[in-house]
Amino acid sequence: MSVHEKIKDVYDHVQKGTALDAFEKYYAENVDMILEDGTVVAGKDANRKRENEFFASVEEFHGMEVVGITANEDKKKTAVESWMEVTFKGGDKMKIEQVAVQDWKDGKIVRERFYANR
């Protein structure tokens, strides 16, 4: 399976509400995720906790669209432009527009960087 097919599967899971299943399948144990503000969250356990906290903070999911996906199979690099609209617990409704760039090794994401407009 190409990295393009894998990242498409990741985002298919997000759209179906099974993002954490994709996280378990496609993210390496030593993954580094770089948040929009430049903060590095190191390791799968720390990122799993962060992902769970995000999804627990969402009261209602209004929709999501993958605007575009690109992949460089030779360099094992993918990028996804997407948006999602959610209402957080406490009532704040927000449209999050983001680009996520992934580096792959041995079929798993080892680094993911987020660029977002919140």
N, C-alpha and C. Protein backbone atom coordinates (compact mmCIF):
# COMPACT_ATOMS: atom_id res chain seq x y z
N MET A 1 0.85 -1.18 0.00
CA MET A 1 0.00 0.00 0.00
C MET A 1 0.90 1.24 0.00
N SER A 2 0.62 2.18 -0.88
CA SER A 2 1.42 3.40 -0.99
C SER A 2 1.13 4.33 0.20
N VAL A 3 2.03 5.30 0.42
CA VAL A 3 1.77 6.27 1.49
C VAL A 3 0.55 7.12 1.15
N HIS A 4 0.31 7.35 -0.13
CA HIS A 4 -0.89 8.08 -0.54
C HIS A 4 -2.15 7.31 -0.12
N GLU A 5 -2.19 6.02 -0.37
CA GLU A 5 -3.33 5.21 0.03
C GLU A 5 -3.48 5.16 1.56
N LYS A 6 -2.35 5.10 2.25
CA LYS A 6 -2.41 5.04 3.72
C LYS A 6 -2.94 6.33 4.31
N ILE A 7 -2.46 7.49 3.82
CA ILE A 7 -2.94 8.75 4.41
C ILE A 7 -4.40 8.98 4.04
N LYS A 8 -4.82 8.54 2.87
CA LYS A 8 -6.24 8.62 2.52
C LYS A 8 -7.06 7.79 3.50
N ASP A 9 -6.56 6.61 3.85
CA ASP A 9 -7.26 5.76 4.82
C ASP A 9 -7.33 6.44 6.19
N VAL A 10 -6.25 7.10 6.59
CA VAL A 10 -6.26 7.83 7.87
C VAL A 10 -7.41 8.83 7.88
N TYR A 11 -7.51 9.64 6.84
CA TYR A 11 -8.54 10.67 6.81
C TYR A 11 -9.94 10.10 6.57
N ASP A 12 -10.04 8.96 5.90
CA ASP A 12 -11.34 8.28 5.82
C ASP A 12 -11.81 7.90 7.22
N HIS A 13 -10.87 7.43 8.05
CA HIS A 13 -11.21 7.09 9.44
C HIS A 13 -11.66 8.33 10.21
N VAL A 14 -10.96 9.44 10.04
CA VAL A 14 -11.34 10.67 10.74
C VAL A 14 -12.77 11.06 10.36
N GLN A 15 -13.08 11.00 9.08
CA GLN A 15 -14.42 11.38 8.62
C GLN A 15 -15.49 10.43 9.14
N LYS A 16 -15.15 9.16 9.37
CA LYS A 16 -16.12 8.18 9.88
C LYS A 16 -16.21 8.19 11.41
N GLY A 17 -15.35 8.98 12.07
CA GLY A 17 -15.37 9.01 13.53
C GLY A 17 -14.52 7.93 14.18
N THR A 18 -13.63 7.31 13.41
CA THR A 18 -12.77 6.25 13.94
C THR A 18 -11.29 6.65 13.84
N ALA A 19 -11.01 7.93 14.09
CA ALA A 19 -9.65 8.45 13.97
C ALA A 19 -8.66 7.71 14.86
N LEU A 20 -9.09 7.31 16.04
CA LEU A 20 -8.16 6.64 16.95
C LEU A 20 -7.77 5.26 16.45
N ASP A 21 -8.63 4.61 15.68
CA ASP A 21 -8.27 3.34 15.06
C ASP A 21 -7.13 3.55 14.06
N ALA A 22 -7.24 4.61 13.26
CA ALA A 22 -6.18 4.94 12.30
C ALA A 22 -4.90 5.31 13.03
N PHE A 23 -5.02 6.03 14.13
CA PHE A 23 -3.85 6.40 14.93
C PHE A 23 -3.10 5.14 15.37
N GLU A 24 -3.83 4.15 15.87
CA GLU A 24 -3.18 2.92 16.33
C GLU A 24 -2.53 2.16 15.18
N LYS A 25 -3.15 2.19 14.02
CA LYS A 25 -2.66 1.43 12.88
C LYS A 25 -1.48 2.08 12.18
N TYR A 26 -1.50 3.41 12.05
CA TYR A 26 -0.55 4.08 11.16
C TYR A 26 0.52 4.93 11.84
N TYR A 27 0.48 5.12 13.13
CA TYR A 27 1.46 5.98 13.79
C TYR A 27 2.49 5.14 14.53
N ALA A 28 3.77 5.50 14.36
CA ALA A 28 4.88 4.78 14.98
C ALA A 28 4.93 5.07 16.49
N GLU A 29 5.51 4.14 17.21
CA GLU A 29 5.67 4.33 18.67
C GLU A 29 6.48 5.58 19.00
N ASN A 30 7.42 5.93 18.14
CA ASN A 30 8.31 7.07 18.41
C ASN A 30 7.89 8.32 17.64
N VAL A 31 6.61 8.43 17.28
CA VAL A 31 6.14 9.55 16.48
C VAL A 31 6.31 10.88 17.21
N ASP A 32 6.75 11.88 16.48
CA ASP A 32 6.77 13.26 16.96
C ASP A 32 5.68 14.01 16.22
N MET A 33 4.82 14.69 16.98
CA MET A 33 3.79 15.53 16.37
C MET A 33 4.09 16.96 16.77
N ILE A 34 4.17 17.84 15.77
CA ILE A 34 4.48 19.24 16.01
C ILE A 34 3.19 20.03 15.83
N LEU A 35 2.75 20.65 16.92
CA LEU A 35 1.49 21.37 16.92
C LEU A 35 1.64 22.71 16.22
N GLU A 36 0.52 23.38 16.01
CA GLU A 36 0.49 24.64 15.28
C GLU A 36 1.42 25.69 15.88
N ASP A 37 1.57 25.68 17.19
CA ASP A 37 2.42 26.67 17.86
C ASP A 37 3.89 26.25 17.95
N GLY A 38 4.24 25.11 17.34
CA GLY A 38 5.61 24.64 17.35
C GLY A 38 5.94 23.67 18.47
N THR A 39 5.01 23.44 19.38
CA THR A 39 5.22 22.49 20.47
C THR A 39 5.38 21.09 19.90
N VAL A 40 6.41 20.38 20.36
CA VAL A 40 6.63 19.00 19.92
C VAL A 40 6.07 18.06 20.99
N VAL A 41 5.20 17.16 20.56
CA VAL A 41 4.68 16.12 21.45
C VAL A 41 5.33 14.82 20.99
N ALA A 42 6.16 14.25 21.86
CA ALA A 42 6.99 13.10 21.49
C ALA A 42 6.38 11.79 21.99
N GLY A 43 6.32 10.82 21.08
CA GLY A 43 5.91 9.46 21.44
C GLY A 43 4.43 9.21 21.25
N LYS A 44 4.13 7.97 20.95
CA LYS A 44 2.74 7.57 20.68
C LYS A 44 1.85 7.70 21.91
N ASP A 45 2.38 7.35 23.08
CA ASP A 45 1.56 7.44 24.30
C ASP A 45 1.12 8.87 24.58
N ALA A 46 2.05 9.83 24.50
CA ALA A 46 1.72 11.23 24.76
C ALA A 46 0.75 11.76 23.71
N ASN A 47 0.93 11.35 22.46
CA ASN A 47 0.04 11.81 21.41
C ASN A 47 -1.33 11.15 21.48
N ARG A 48 -1.38 9.91 21.91
CA ARG A 48 -2.67 9.24 22.12
C ARG A 48 -3.46 10.00 23.18
N LYS A 49 -2.79 10.38 24.26
CA LYS A 49 -3.45 11.13 25.33
C LYS A 49 -3.96 12.46 24.80
N ARG A 50 -3.16 13.15 24.01
CA ARG A 50 -3.55 14.44 23.44
C ARG A 50 -4.75 14.28 22.50
N GLU A 51 -4.72 13.26 21.66
CA GLU A 51 -5.84 13.00 20.75
C GLU A 51 -7.12 12.68 21.53
N ASN A 52 -7.02 11.85 22.54
CA ASN A 52 -8.19 11.51 23.37
C ASN A 52 -8.75 12.76 24.04
N GLU A 53 -7.88 13.64 24.53
CA GLU A 53 -8.34 14.88 25.17
C GLU A 53 -9.06 15.77 24.17
N PHE A 54 -8.53 15.85 22.94
CA PHE A 54 -9.21 16.67 21.92
C PHE A 54 -10.60 16.13 21.65
N PHE A 55 -10.71 14.83 21.36
CA PHE A 55 -12.02 14.27 21.02
C PHE A 55 -12.98 14.34 22.20
N ALA A 56 -12.48 14.23 23.42
CA ALA A 56 -13.33 14.34 24.61
C ALA A 56 -13.84 15.78 24.79
N SER A 57 -13.13 16.77 24.24
CA SER A 57 -13.53 18.17 24.38
C SER A 57 -14.60 18.58 23.37
N VAL A 58 -14.87 17.72 22.39
CA VAL A 58 -15.84 18.04 21.34
C VAL A 58 -17.23 17.59 21.76
N GLU A 59 -18.14 18.54 21.74
CA GLU A 59 -19.53 18.22 22.06
C GLU A 59 -20.27 17.74 20.81
N GLU A 60 -20.02 18.42 19.68
CA GLU A 60 -20.71 18.05 18.44
C GLU A 60 -19.78 18.24 17.25
N PHE A 61 -19.80 17.27 16.36
CA PHE A 61 -19.02 17.29 15.14
C PHE A 61 -19.96 17.64 14.00
N HIS A 62 -19.70 18.78 13.32
CA HIS A 62 -20.62 19.27 12.29
C HIS A 62 -20.22 18.84 10.88
N GLY A 63 -18.97 18.51 10.68
CA GLY A 63 -18.56 18.10 9.34
C GLY A 63 -17.07 18.28 9.13
N MET A 64 -16.61 17.68 8.04
CA MET A 64 -15.19 17.73 7.70
C MET A 64 -15.07 17.52 6.20
N GLU A 65 -14.05 18.14 5.63
CA GLU A 65 -13.75 17.90 4.22
C GLU A 65 -12.25 17.83 4.03
N VAL A 66 -11.82 16.86 3.26
CA VAL A 66 -10.44 16.79 2.81
C VAL A 66 -10.39 17.58 1.50
N VAL A 67 -9.69 18.70 1.52
CA VAL A 67 -9.60 19.58 0.36
C VAL A 67 -8.62 19.01 -0.66
N GLY A 68 -7.52 18.44 -0.16
CA GLY A 68 -6.53 17.86 -1.05
C GLY A 68 -5.53 17.01 -0.32
N ILE A 69 -5.03 16.00 -1.02
CA ILE A 69 -3.98 15.12 -0.50
C ILE A 69 -2.91 15.03 -1.57
N THR A 70 -1.66 15.11 -1.12
CA THR A 70 -0.55 14.92 -2.04
C THR A 70 0.46 13.99 -1.39
N ALA A 71 1.23 13.31 -2.22
CA ALA A 71 2.23 12.37 -1.69
C ALA A 71 3.45 12.35 -2.58
N ASN A 72 4.61 12.23 -1.94
CA ASN A 72 5.87 11.98 -2.63
C ASN A 72 6.29 10.58 -2.20
N GLU A 73 6.02 9.61 -3.04
CA GLU A 73 6.28 8.21 -2.68
C GLU A 73 7.77 7.95 -2.49
N ASP A 74 8.62 8.59 -3.28
CA ASP A 74 10.07 8.38 -3.16
C ASP A 74 10.60 8.85 -1.81
N LYS A 75 10.11 9.99 -1.35
CA LYS A 75 10.58 10.57 -0.08
C LYS A 75 9.72 10.15 1.10
N LYS A 76 8.65 9.39 0.82
CA LYS A 76 7.74 8.91 1.88
C LYS A 76 7.19 10.09 2.68
N LYS A 77 6.62 11.07 1.96
CA LYS A 77 6.09 12.27 2.58
C LYS A 77 4.70 12.53 2.01
N THR A 78 3.75 12.87 2.89
CA THR A 78 2.39 13.20 2.48
C THR A 78 1.99 14.53 3.09
N ALA A 79 0.97 15.16 2.49
CA ALA A 79 0.41 16.39 3.03
C ALA A 79 -1.09 16.39 2.75
N VAL A 80 -1.85 16.89 3.72
CA VAL A 80 -3.30 16.89 3.62
C VAL A 80 -3.81 18.27 4.03
N GLU A 81 -4.64 18.86 3.17
CA GLU A 81 -5.35 20.08 3.53
C GLU A 81 -6.78 19.68 3.85
N SER A 82 -7.28 20.14 5.00
CA SER A 82 -8.63 19.77 5.40
C SER A 82 -9.23 20.85 6.30
N TRP A 83 -10.51 20.70 6.54
CA TRP A 83 -11.18 21.53 7.54
C TRP A 83 -12.19 20.66 8.29
N MET A 84 -12.46 21.06 9.51
CA MET A 84 -13.52 20.43 10.29
C MET A 84 -14.21 21.51 11.10
N GLU A 85 -15.49 21.29 11.32
CA GLU A 85 -16.26 22.22 12.13
C GLU A 85 -16.81 21.46 13.32
N VAL A 86 -16.53 21.98 14.51
CA VAL A 86 -16.94 21.32 15.75
C VAL A 86 -17.48 22.36 16.73
N THR A 87 -18.29 21.87 17.65
CA THR A 87 -18.67 22.66 18.81
C THR A 87 -18.01 22.00 20.02
N PHE A 88 -17.25 22.79 20.74
CA PHE A 88 -16.58 22.28 21.92
C PHE A 88 -17.52 22.35 23.11
N LYS A 89 -17.28 21.50 24.08
CA LYS A 89 -18.05 21.54 25.32
C LYS A 89 -17.89 22.95 25.89
N GLY A 90 -18.99 23.53 26.29
CA GLY A 90 -18.97 24.91 26.72
C GLY A 90 -19.52 25.85 25.67
N GLY A 91 -19.76 25.33 24.44
CA GLY A 91 -20.49 26.09 23.47
C GLY A 91 -19.74 26.77 22.35
N ASP A 92 -18.41 26.76 22.34
CA ASP A 92 -17.68 27.44 21.27
C ASP A 92 -17.67 26.60 20.00
N LYS A 93 -18.29 27.13 18.93
CA LYS A 93 -18.30 26.47 17.63
C LYS A 93 -17.11 27.02 16.84
N MET A 94 -16.38 26.12 16.18
CA MET A 94 -15.17 26.53 15.50
C MET A 94 -14.96 25.75 14.21
N LYS A 95 -14.53 26.46 13.18
CA LYS A 95 -14.10 25.82 11.95
C LYS A 95 -12.57 25.83 11.98
N ILE A 96 -11.99 24.65 11.96
CA ILE A 96 -10.53 24.50 12.00
C ILE A 96 -10.06 24.14 10.60
N GLU A 97 -9.25 25.01 10.02
CA GLU A 97 -8.66 24.75 8.71
C GLU A 97 -7.21 24.40 8.93
N GLN A 98 -6.75 23.29 8.34
CA GLN A 98 -5.40 22.85 8.64
C GLN A 98 -4.74 22.15 7.48
N VAL A 99 -3.42 22.23 7.49
CA VAL A 99 -2.59 21.40 6.63
C VAL A 99 -1.73 20.56 7.56
N ALA A 100 -1.68 19.27 7.31
CA ALA A 100 -0.85 18.36 8.09
C ALA A 100 0.14 17.70 7.13
N VAL A 101 1.41 17.67 7.52
CA VAL A 101 2.46 17.09 6.70
C VAL A 101 3.05 15.91 7.47
N GLN A 102 3.10 14.74 6.81
CA GLN A 102 3.56 13.52 7.47
C GLN A 102 4.82 12.97 6.81
N ASP A 103 5.74 12.49 7.65
CA ASP A 103 6.90 11.73 7.20
C ASP A 103 6.67 10.28 7.62
N TRP A 104 6.92 9.35 6.69
CA TRP A 104 6.66 7.93 6.89
C TRP A 104 7.97 7.15 6.90
N LYS A 105 8.00 6.10 7.72
CA LYS A 105 9.12 5.16 7.73
C LYS A 105 8.56 3.80 8.09
N ASP A 106 8.91 2.80 7.32
CA ASP A 106 8.45 1.43 7.55
C ASP A 106 6.93 1.34 7.67
N GLY A 107 6.23 2.14 6.84
CA GLY A 107 4.78 2.07 6.79
C GLY A 107 4.04 2.82 7.88
N LYS A 108 4.77 3.57 8.71
CA LYS A 108 4.16 4.29 9.83
C LYS A 108 4.56 5.77 9.77
N ILE A 109 3.70 6.62 10.32
CA ILE A 109 4.02 8.04 10.43
C ILE A 109 4.96 8.22 11.60
N VAL A 110 6.12 8.82 11.33
CA VAL A 110 7.12 9.06 12.37
C VAL A 110 7.20 10.53 12.77
N ARG A 111 6.64 11.40 11.92
CA ARG A 111 6.63 12.84 12.21
C ARG A 111 5.43 13.44 11.51
N GLU A 112 4.69 14.28 12.25
CA GLU A 112 3.56 14.97 11.65
C GLU A 112 3.57 16.41 12.16
N ARG A 113 3.48 17.34 11.23
CA ARG A 113 3.49 18.76 11.57
C ARG A 113 2.17 19.37 11.12
N PHE A 114 1.57 20.18 12.00
CA PHE A 114 0.29 20.81 11.71
C PHE A 114 0.46 22.31 11.51
N TYR A 115 -0.22 22.81 10.51
CA TYR A 115 -0.32 24.25 10.25
C TYR A 115 -1.82 24.52 10.21
N ALA A 116 -2.31 25.44 11.04
CA ALA A 116 -3.76 25.60 11.13
C ALA A 116 -4.17 27.05 11.35
N ASN A 117 -5.41 27.32 10.96
CA ASN A 117 -6.06 28.57 11.20
C ASN A 117 -7.22 28.26 12.14
N ARG A 118 -7.11 28.73 13.37
CA ARG A 118 -8.19 28.46 14.35
C ARG A 118 -8.83 29.75 14.77
